[in-house]
Structures are given as C-alpha cells and as structure tokens.
Amino acid sequence: MDDKNFCDEPCPIARSLGVAGDAWSILILRDAHAGLTRFDQFRKSLGIAPTMLTRRLATLTEEGLLEKRRYSERPPREEYQLTAAGRDFLPVLFMIGAWGRRYRGDGKLVRFLDAETGTEIRAVAVDEVTGAKIGTRPIRVVYPGED
C-alpha cells in the first residue's frame, strides 16, 4: 500500500499516515511547534538532505499542516508557519513522545515543559465521551456501512 492509497482508506489512522506518517514529517512538525520556521533552521536541526526537506515541506504545505509566508522580498525568502491542522497535531506528537519515553526511554531524553508553569508535560489520551484513559478499555472497529 503506497501513501496515495492511504488517503483513500476509510480508516482515519491510515489517512493521517498518508499525510504525516514518515519520520521526517513528524520531526518537521515537532520542530515547527518548537518555533522553527525557516528551511535552514529545519535542515540544521534535523540534518536532513535539502531535497528530502523540500519534498516534506511541500507535502506538509499541500496537505494543510504548514503554510508558506514570504518574509523577505530581496532576496525572496519564505518561512513555514503551522496552520490550525498543524497546531492540532501537537497532542499526537506528545502521545508518540509518551510512548517513546515509556518503551524507548533509555538514556537521557529531552523534556517538554509547560512554558507558563515550568512543569514537565505528561501526555495522556482520554476519551472525551467516557473520560476513560484510551488503552484501558477494549475497542471495536466499525467500517462504513456496518453497525
């Protein structure tokens, strides 16, 4: 299954992976949330090849997670800003991070702090309807047309 097919799947997880399911895209979104906006900033932070970064930024822009804004006319230069969809991806990043801290947490790890309180952020996914922590109750997958 290639990325184009993911976007046609009825599963919202598969569709999301079709947009931002590779490591570079996830890390670009992490860095954008940390305040990076310019091509060279992303490149320096990630150590990514320029052609790969160009492709990932283009995809994230086309899919509506980032938008380009010109910050210089001479020479013409653009930066990347998070859109509402990109900002809404932050909890996803924190849940990936929480899983990584728990199961890949050997050694010294980056910590993420609440900028106002200075306390470390400990992400937990909770079902809005039941209030239950996701992962503590069984799930059932219902495909379109099933009930």
N, C-alpha and C. Protein backbone atom coordinates (compact mmCIF):
# COMPACT_ATOMS: atom_id res chain seq x y z
N MET A 1 0.85 -1.18 0.00
CA MET A 1 0.00 0.00 0.00
C MET A 1 0.89 1.24 0.00
N ASP A 2 0.77 2.11 -1.00
CA ASP A 2 1.58 3.32 -1.02
C ASP A 2 0.82 4.48 -0.36
N ASP A 3 1.53 5.61 -0.19
CA ASP A 3 0.95 6.74 0.52
C ASP A 3 -0.33 7.25 -0.13
N LYS A 4 -0.42 7.22 -1.45
CA LYS A 4 -1.62 7.70 -2.13
C LYS A 4 -2.83 6.84 -1.75
N ASN A 5 -2.62 5.53 -1.63
CA ASN A 5 -3.72 4.65 -1.24
C ASN A 5 -4.14 4.88 0.20
N PHE A 6 -3.23 5.26 1.08
CA PHE A 6 -3.59 5.52 2.46
C PHE A 6 -4.68 6.58 2.55
N CYS A 7 -4.58 7.61 1.71
CA CYS A 7 -5.54 8.72 1.77
C CYS A 7 -6.93 8.31 1.32
N ASP A 8 -7.06 7.17 0.65
CA ASP A 8 -8.37 6.67 0.20
C ASP A 8 -8.98 5.68 1.18
N GLU A 9 -8.24 5.29 2.19
CA GLU A 9 -8.72 4.31 3.15
C GLU A 9 -9.85 4.88 4.01
N PRO A 10 -10.78 4.03 4.45
CA PRO A 10 -11.84 4.53 5.33
C PRO A 10 -11.35 4.77 6.76
N CYS A 11 -10.16 4.29 7.09
CA CYS A 11 -9.61 4.43 8.44
C CYS A 11 -8.93 5.79 8.60
N PRO A 12 -9.33 6.59 9.59
CA PRO A 12 -8.70 7.90 9.78
C PRO A 12 -7.23 7.79 10.19
N ILE A 13 -6.83 6.69 10.81
CA ILE A 13 -5.42 6.49 11.15
C ILE A 13 -4.61 6.33 9.86
N ALA A 14 -5.09 5.49 8.94
CA ALA A 14 -4.40 5.29 7.67
C ALA A 14 -4.32 6.60 6.88
N ARG A 15 -5.41 7.35 6.86
CA ARG A 15 -5.41 8.62 6.13
C ARG A 15 -4.40 9.60 6.73
N SER A 16 -4.30 9.62 8.03
CA SER A 16 -3.34 10.50 8.69
C SER A 16 -1.91 10.09 8.37
N LEU A 17 -1.66 8.79 8.34
CA LEU A 17 -0.33 8.30 7.98
C LEU A 17 0.03 8.68 6.55
N GLY A 18 -0.94 8.74 5.68
CA GLY A 18 -0.69 9.15 4.31
C GLY A 18 -0.21 10.59 4.19
N VAL A 19 -0.52 11.40 5.18
CA VAL A 19 -0.13 12.81 5.18
C VAL A 19 1.16 13.02 5.97
N ALA A 20 1.24 12.47 7.15
CA ALA A 20 2.35 12.79 8.06
C ALA A 20 2.92 11.54 8.71
N GLY A 21 2.95 10.43 7.98
CA GLY A 21 3.34 9.16 8.59
C GLY A 21 4.79 8.78 8.47
N ASP A 22 5.64 9.67 7.97
CA ASP A 22 7.05 9.32 7.91
C ASP A 22 7.81 10.10 8.98
N ALA A 23 8.96 9.60 9.35
CA ALA A 23 9.72 10.20 10.45
C ALA A 23 10.07 11.66 10.18
N TRP A 24 10.49 11.98 8.95
CA TRP A 24 10.88 13.37 8.67
C TRP A 24 9.71 14.33 8.86
N SER A 25 8.54 13.97 8.39
CA SER A 25 7.38 14.86 8.53
C SER A 25 7.04 15.07 10.00
N ILE A 26 7.07 14.00 10.77
CA ILE A 26 6.79 14.11 12.21
C ILE A 26 7.80 15.03 12.89
N LEU A 27 9.08 14.87 12.54
CA LEU A 27 10.12 15.69 13.17
C LEU A 27 10.05 17.15 12.70
N ILE A 28 9.67 17.39 11.46
CA ILE A 28 9.47 18.77 10.99
C ILE A 28 8.34 19.41 11.80
N LEU A 29 7.25 18.68 12.00
CA LEU A 29 6.14 19.22 12.80
C LEU A 29 6.57 19.46 14.24
N ARG A 30 7.38 18.56 14.80
CA ARG A 30 7.91 18.79 16.16
C ARG A 30 8.69 20.09 16.20
N ASP A 31 9.59 20.28 15.23
CA ASP A 31 10.42 21.49 15.22
C ASP A 31 9.59 22.74 14.96
N ALA A 32 8.55 22.63 14.13
CA ALA A 32 7.68 23.78 13.89
C ALA A 32 6.98 24.19 15.18
N HIS A 33 6.58 23.22 15.98
CA HIS A 33 5.95 23.53 17.27
C HIS A 33 6.95 24.15 18.23
N ALA A 34 8.22 23.85 18.05
CA ALA A 34 9.26 24.43 18.90
C ALA A 34 9.67 25.82 18.42
N GLY A 35 9.07 26.30 17.32
CA GLY A 35 9.31 27.65 16.87
C GLY A 35 10.17 27.79 15.62
N LEU A 36 10.64 26.70 15.06
CA LEU A 36 11.41 26.79 13.82
C LEU A 36 10.46 27.10 12.67
N THR A 37 10.90 27.96 11.76
CA THR A 37 10.05 28.35 10.64
C THR A 37 10.78 28.34 9.31
N ARG A 38 12.10 28.39 9.32
CA ARG A 38 12.85 28.57 8.08
C ARG A 38 13.56 27.30 7.65
N PHE A 39 13.69 27.18 6.34
CA PHE A 39 14.29 26.00 5.73
C PHE A 39 15.62 25.64 6.40
N ASP A 40 16.51 26.63 6.52
CA ASP A 40 17.84 26.36 7.09
C ASP A 40 17.76 25.93 8.56
N GLN A 41 16.78 26.44 9.28
CA GLN A 41 16.61 26.01 10.67
C GLN A 41 16.22 24.54 10.74
N PHE A 42 15.27 24.13 9.90
CA PHE A 42 14.87 22.72 9.87
C PHE A 42 16.06 21.85 9.46
N ARG A 43 16.76 22.28 8.42
CA ARG A 43 17.89 21.50 7.92
C ARG A 43 18.96 21.31 8.99
N LYS A 44 19.28 22.38 9.70
CA LYS A 44 20.30 22.30 10.75
C LYS A 44 19.83 21.41 11.90
N SER A 45 18.59 21.57 12.31
CA SER A 45 18.06 20.80 13.43
C SER A 45 18.01 19.30 13.12
N LEU A 46 17.59 18.97 11.89
CA LEU A 46 17.34 17.58 11.54
C LEU A 46 18.51 16.88 10.85
N GLY A 47 19.43 17.64 10.26
CA GLY A 47 20.49 17.02 9.49
C GLY A 47 19.97 16.31 8.26
N ILE A 48 18.90 16.82 7.70
CA ILE A 48 18.20 16.23 6.57
C ILE A 48 18.76 16.78 5.25
N ALA A 49 18.78 15.95 4.22
CA ALA A 49 19.21 16.40 2.90
C ALA A 49 18.24 17.46 2.38
N PRO A 50 18.74 18.49 1.71
CA PRO A 50 17.88 19.57 1.23
C PRO A 50 16.74 19.08 0.32
N THR A 51 17.01 18.12 -0.54
CA THR A 51 15.95 17.63 -1.44
C THR A 51 14.84 16.93 -0.65
N MET A 52 15.22 16.17 0.35
CA MET A 52 14.23 15.48 1.20
C MET A 52 13.42 16.50 1.98
N LEU A 53 14.08 17.51 2.54
CA LEU A 53 13.38 18.54 3.30
C LEU A 53 12.42 19.31 2.40
N THR A 54 12.86 19.64 1.19
CA THR A 54 11.99 20.34 0.24
C THR A 54 10.73 19.53 -0.03
N ARG A 55 10.89 18.24 -0.26
CA ARG A 55 9.72 17.37 -0.53
C ARG A 55 8.78 17.31 0.66
N ARG A 56 9.34 17.12 1.85
CA ARG A 56 8.49 17.01 3.04
C ARG A 56 7.76 18.31 3.34
N LEU A 57 8.45 19.44 3.22
CA LEU A 57 7.80 20.73 3.45
C LEU A 57 6.70 20.96 2.42
N ALA A 58 6.94 20.59 1.17
CA ALA A 58 5.92 20.75 0.13
C ALA A 58 4.70 19.90 0.45
N THR A 59 4.90 18.66 0.88
CA THR A 59 3.77 17.78 1.21
C THR A 59 2.99 18.33 2.41
N LEU A 60 3.70 18.73 3.45
CA LEU A 60 3.03 19.26 4.63
C LEU A 60 2.26 20.54 4.30
N THR A 61 2.78 21.32 3.35
CA THR A 61 2.09 22.53 2.92
C THR A 61 0.87 22.18 2.07
N GLU A 62 1.05 21.26 1.11
CA GLU A 62 -0.07 20.84 0.26
C GLU A 62 -1.20 20.23 1.08
N GLU A 63 -0.84 19.51 2.13
CA GLU A 63 -1.85 18.83 2.95
C GLU A 63 -2.45 19.73 4.03
N GLY A 64 -1.97 20.97 4.12
CA GLY A 64 -2.59 21.94 5.00
C GLY A 64 -2.11 21.95 6.45
N LEU A 65 -0.95 21.34 6.73
CA LEU A 65 -0.41 21.40 8.09
C LEU A 65 0.53 22.58 8.28
N LEU A 66 1.14 23.01 7.19
CA LEU A 66 2.01 24.19 7.19
C LEU A 66 1.54 25.13 6.08
N GLU A 67 1.88 26.41 6.22
CA GLU A 67 1.66 27.35 5.14
C GLU A 67 2.92 28.18 4.97
N LYS A 68 3.20 28.56 3.71
CA LYS A 68 4.38 29.37 3.42
C LYS A 68 4.01 30.84 3.51
N ARG A 69 4.92 31.62 4.09
CA ARG A 69 4.77 33.07 4.15
C ARG A 69 6.09 33.71 3.75
N ARG A 70 6.01 34.70 2.92
CA ARG A 70 7.22 35.40 2.50
C ARG A 70 7.66 36.35 3.61
N TYR A 71 8.94 36.26 3.97
CA TYR A 71 9.46 37.16 5.00
C TYR A 71 10.50 38.11 4.45
N SER A 72 10.91 37.91 3.18
CA SER A 72 11.88 38.81 2.56
C SER A 72 11.58 38.89 1.07
N GLU A 73 11.57 40.10 0.54
CA GLU A 73 11.35 40.29 -0.90
C GLU A 73 12.66 40.21 -1.68
N ARG A 74 13.74 40.75 -1.11
CA ARG A 74 15.04 40.73 -1.79
C ARG A 74 16.10 40.25 -0.84
N PRO A 75 16.59 39.07 -1.03
CA PRO A 75 16.10 38.07 -1.98
C PRO A 75 14.77 37.49 -1.49
N PRO A 76 13.98 36.94 -2.41
CA PRO A 76 12.70 36.36 -1.98
C PRO A 76 12.94 35.14 -1.09
N ARG A 77 12.41 35.19 0.11
CA ARG A 77 12.56 34.08 1.06
C ARG A 77 11.24 33.84 1.76
N GLU A 78 11.02 32.55 2.03
CA GLU A 78 9.76 32.17 2.67
C GLU A 78 10.04 31.39 3.94
N GLU A 79 9.07 31.42 4.83
CA GLU A 79 9.12 30.62 6.04
C GLU A 79 7.85 29.81 6.13
N TYR A 80 7.84 28.86 7.03
CA TYR A 80 6.71 27.94 7.19
C TYR A 80 6.08 28.15 8.56
N GLN A 81 4.77 28.33 8.54
CA GLN A 81 4.01 28.51 9.77
C GLN A 81 3.01 27.37 9.91
N LEU A 82 2.78 26.96 11.13
CA LEU A 82 1.75 25.95 11.38
C LEU A 82 0.37 26.51 11.09
N THR A 83 -0.46 25.71 10.48
CA THR A 83 -1.87 26.05 10.29
C THR A 83 -2.64 25.50 11.50
N ALA A 84 -3.94 25.68 11.50
CA ALA A 84 -4.76 25.10 12.57
C ALA A 84 -4.58 23.58 12.60
N ALA A 85 -4.57 22.95 11.42
CA ALA A 85 -4.38 21.50 11.38
C ALA A 85 -3.01 21.11 11.92
N GLY A 86 -2.00 21.91 11.62
CA GLY A 86 -0.66 21.63 12.15
C GLY A 86 -0.59 21.81 13.65
N ARG A 87 -1.24 22.85 14.15
CA ARG A 87 -1.26 23.06 15.61
C ARG A 87 -2.02 21.95 16.31
N ASP A 88 -3.08 21.45 15.67
CA ASP A 88 -3.86 20.35 16.27
C ASP A 88 -3.09 19.03 16.28
N PHE A 89 -1.95 18.97 15.61
CA PHE A 89 -1.13 17.77 15.59
C PHE A 89 -0.27 17.64 16.86
N LEU A 90 -0.15 18.69 17.64
CA LEU A 90 0.70 18.66 18.83
C LEU A 90 0.35 17.53 19.80
N PRO A 91 -0.92 17.30 20.12
CA PRO A 91 -1.22 16.18 21.02
C PRO A 91 -0.76 14.83 20.46
N VAL A 92 -0.81 14.67 19.14
CA VAL A 92 -0.32 13.44 18.51
C VAL A 92 1.17 13.30 18.78
N LEU A 93 1.91 14.38 18.60
CA LEU A 93 3.35 14.35 18.86
C LEU A 93 3.63 13.98 20.32
N PHE A 94 2.85 14.55 21.23
CA PHE A 94 3.07 14.25 22.64
C PHE A 94 2.73 12.82 22.99
N MET A 95 1.74 12.25 22.34
CA MET A 95 1.42 10.84 22.60
C MET A 95 2.51 9.92 22.05
N ILE A 96 3.05 10.25 20.88
CA ILE A 96 4.19 9.49 20.35
C ILE A 96 5.36 9.59 21.33
N GLY A 97 5.59 10.80 21.83
CA GLY A 97 6.66 11.01 22.79
C GLY A 97 6.45 10.26 24.09
N ALA A 98 5.21 10.22 24.57
CA ALA A 98 4.92 9.48 25.81
C ALA A 98 5.20 7.99 25.63
N TRP A 99 4.81 7.46 24.47
CA TRP A 99 5.09 6.05 24.18
C TRP A 99 6.61 5.83 24.12
N GLY A 100 7.31 6.73 23.45
CA GLY A 100 8.77 6.61 23.34
C GLY A 100 9.47 6.70 24.69
N ARG A 101 8.99 7.59 25.54
CA ARG A 101 9.58 7.72 26.88
C ARG A 101 9.40 6.42 27.66
N ARG A 102 8.25 5.80 27.51
CA ARG A 102 7.96 4.58 28.27
C ARG A 102 8.70 3.36 27.72
N TYR A 103 8.75 3.22 26.38
CA TYR A 103 9.28 1.99 25.80
C TYR A 103 10.63 2.15 25.11
N ARG A 104 11.08 3.37 24.91
CA ARG A 104 12.39 3.62 24.31
C ARG A 104 13.15 4.65 25.13
N GLY A 105 12.91 4.67 26.43
CA GLY A 105 13.39 5.74 27.28
C GLY A 105 14.76 5.58 27.89
N ASP A 106 15.58 4.69 27.37
CA ASP A 106 16.92 4.54 27.94
C ASP A 106 17.76 5.78 27.65
N GLY A 107 18.59 6.15 28.61
CA GLY A 107 19.48 7.29 28.42
C GLY A 107 18.80 8.60 28.73
N LYS A 108 19.51 9.66 28.43
CA LYS A 108 18.99 11.00 28.69
C LYS A 108 18.05 11.40 27.56
N LEU A 109 16.89 11.92 27.94
CA LEU A 109 15.87 12.30 26.97
C LEU A 109 15.54 13.78 27.10
N VAL A 110 15.13 14.37 26.00
CA VAL A 110 14.61 15.73 26.00
C VAL A 110 13.36 15.75 26.87
N ARG A 111 13.16 16.83 27.57
CA ARG A 111 11.93 17.02 28.34
C ARG A 111 11.14 18.16 27.72
N PHE A 112 9.84 18.06 27.80
CA PHE A 112 8.96 19.11 27.29
C PHE A 112 8.25 19.73 28.49
N LEU A 113 8.42 21.05 28.64
CA LEU A 113 7.88 21.76 29.79
C LEU A 113 6.76 22.70 29.37
N ASP A 114 5.79 22.87 30.25
CA ASP A 114 4.77 23.88 30.07
C ASP A 114 5.47 25.23 30.26
N ALA A 115 5.39 26.10 29.25
CA ALA A 115 6.11 27.36 29.29
C ALA A 115 5.63 28.29 30.41
N GLU A 116 4.39 28.16 30.83
CA GLU A 116 3.86 29.03 31.87
C GLU A 116 4.19 28.52 33.28
N THR A 117 4.07 27.20 33.49
CA THR A 117 4.26 26.67 34.84
C THR A 117 5.66 26.09 35.06
N GLY A 118 6.34 25.74 33.98
CA GLY A 118 7.66 25.13 34.10
C GLY A 118 7.60 23.65 34.44
N THR A 119 6.42 23.09 34.53
CA THR A 119 6.29 21.67 34.86
C THR A 119 6.40 20.82 33.59
N GLU A 120 6.89 19.60 33.77
CA GLU A 120 7.01 18.69 32.64
C GLU A 120 5.63 18.24 32.18
N ILE A 121 5.45 18.20 30.87
CA ILE A 121 4.17 17.77 30.30
C ILE A 121 4.15 16.26 30.24
N ARG A 122 3.13 15.66 30.80
CA ARG A 122 2.92 14.21 30.80
C ARG A 122 1.62 13.94 30.05
N ALA A 123 1.74 13.59 28.78
CA ALA A 123 0.56 13.42 27.93
C ALA A 123 -0.16 12.11 28.23
N VAL A 124 -1.48 12.20 28.26
CA VAL A 124 -2.35 11.04 28.43
C VAL A 124 -3.53 11.24 27.49
N ALA A 125 -3.89 10.20 26.76
CA ALA A 125 -5.05 10.29 25.87
C ALA A 125 -6.29 9.80 26.61
N VAL A 126 -7.31 10.63 26.61
CA VAL A 126 -8.54 10.31 27.32
C VAL A 126 -9.71 10.44 26.34
N ASP A 127 -10.60 9.47 26.39
CA ASP A 127 -11.80 9.53 25.56
C ASP A 127 -12.70 10.65 26.08
N GLU A 128 -13.05 11.56 25.19
CA GLU A 128 -13.86 12.71 25.58
C GLU A 128 -15.24 12.31 26.09
N VAL A 129 -15.81 11.24 25.55
CA VAL A 129 -17.16 10.83 25.92
C VAL A 129 -17.19 10.11 27.26
N THR A 130 -16.33 9.11 27.44
CA THR A 130 -16.38 8.30 28.66
C THR A 130 -15.46 8.83 29.76
N GLY A 131 -14.45 9.60 29.37
CA GLY A 131 -13.47 10.05 30.35
C GLY A 131 -12.43 9.00 30.67
N ALA A 132 -12.52 7.83 30.04
CA ALA A 132 -11.57 6.74 30.31
C ALA A 132 -10.27 6.97 29.56
N LYS A 133 -9.18 6.59 30.17
CA LYS A 133 -7.88 6.64 29.52
C LYS A 133 -7.91 5.66 28.35
N ILE A 134 -7.53 6.15 27.17
CA ILE A 134 -7.51 5.29 25.99
C ILE A 134 -6.46 4.21 26.18
N GLY A 135 -6.86 2.97 25.90
CA GLY A 135 -5.98 1.82 26.10
C GLY A 135 -6.37 0.99 27.31
N THR A 136 -7.31 1.51 28.11
CA THR A 136 -7.73 0.76 29.31
C THR A 136 -9.02 0.00 29.07
N ARG A 137 -9.66 0.22 27.93
CA ARG A 137 -10.92 -0.46 27.61
C ARG A 137 -10.80 -1.05 26.21
N PRO A 138 -11.49 -2.16 25.96
CA PRO A 138 -11.42 -2.76 24.62
C PRO A 138 -12.05 -1.82 23.58
N ILE A 139 -11.58 -1.98 22.35
CA ILE A 139 -12.15 -1.19 21.26
C ILE A 139 -12.82 -2.13 20.25
N ARG A 140 -13.66 -1.55 19.42
CA ARG A 140 -14.28 -2.25 18.32
C ARG A 140 -14.20 -1.35 17.10
N VAL A 141 -13.74 -1.88 15.98
CA VAL A 141 -13.63 -1.11 14.75
C VAL A 141 -14.89 -1.33 13.93
N VAL A 142 -15.53 -0.25 13.50
CA VAL A 142 -16.75 -0.32 12.70
C VAL A 142 -16.46 0.36 11.37
N TYR A 143 -16.54 -0.40 10.30
CA TYR A 143 -16.30 0.12 8.96
C TYR A 143 -17.55 0.75 8.41
N PRO A 144 -17.41 1.68 7.45
CA PRO A 144 -18.59 2.32 6.85
C PRO A 144 -19.58 1.26 6.34
N GLY A 145 -20.83 1.48 6.65
CA GLY A 145 -21.87 0.54 6.24
C GLY A 145 -22.17 -0.53 7.28
N GLU A 146 -21.33 -0.67 8.29
CA GLU A 146 -21.58 -1.63 9.37
C GLU A 146 -22.22 -0.91 10.55
N ASP A 147 -22.93 -1.63 11.36
CA ASP A 147 -23.44 -1.05 12.60
C ASP A 147 -23.49 -2.03 13.71
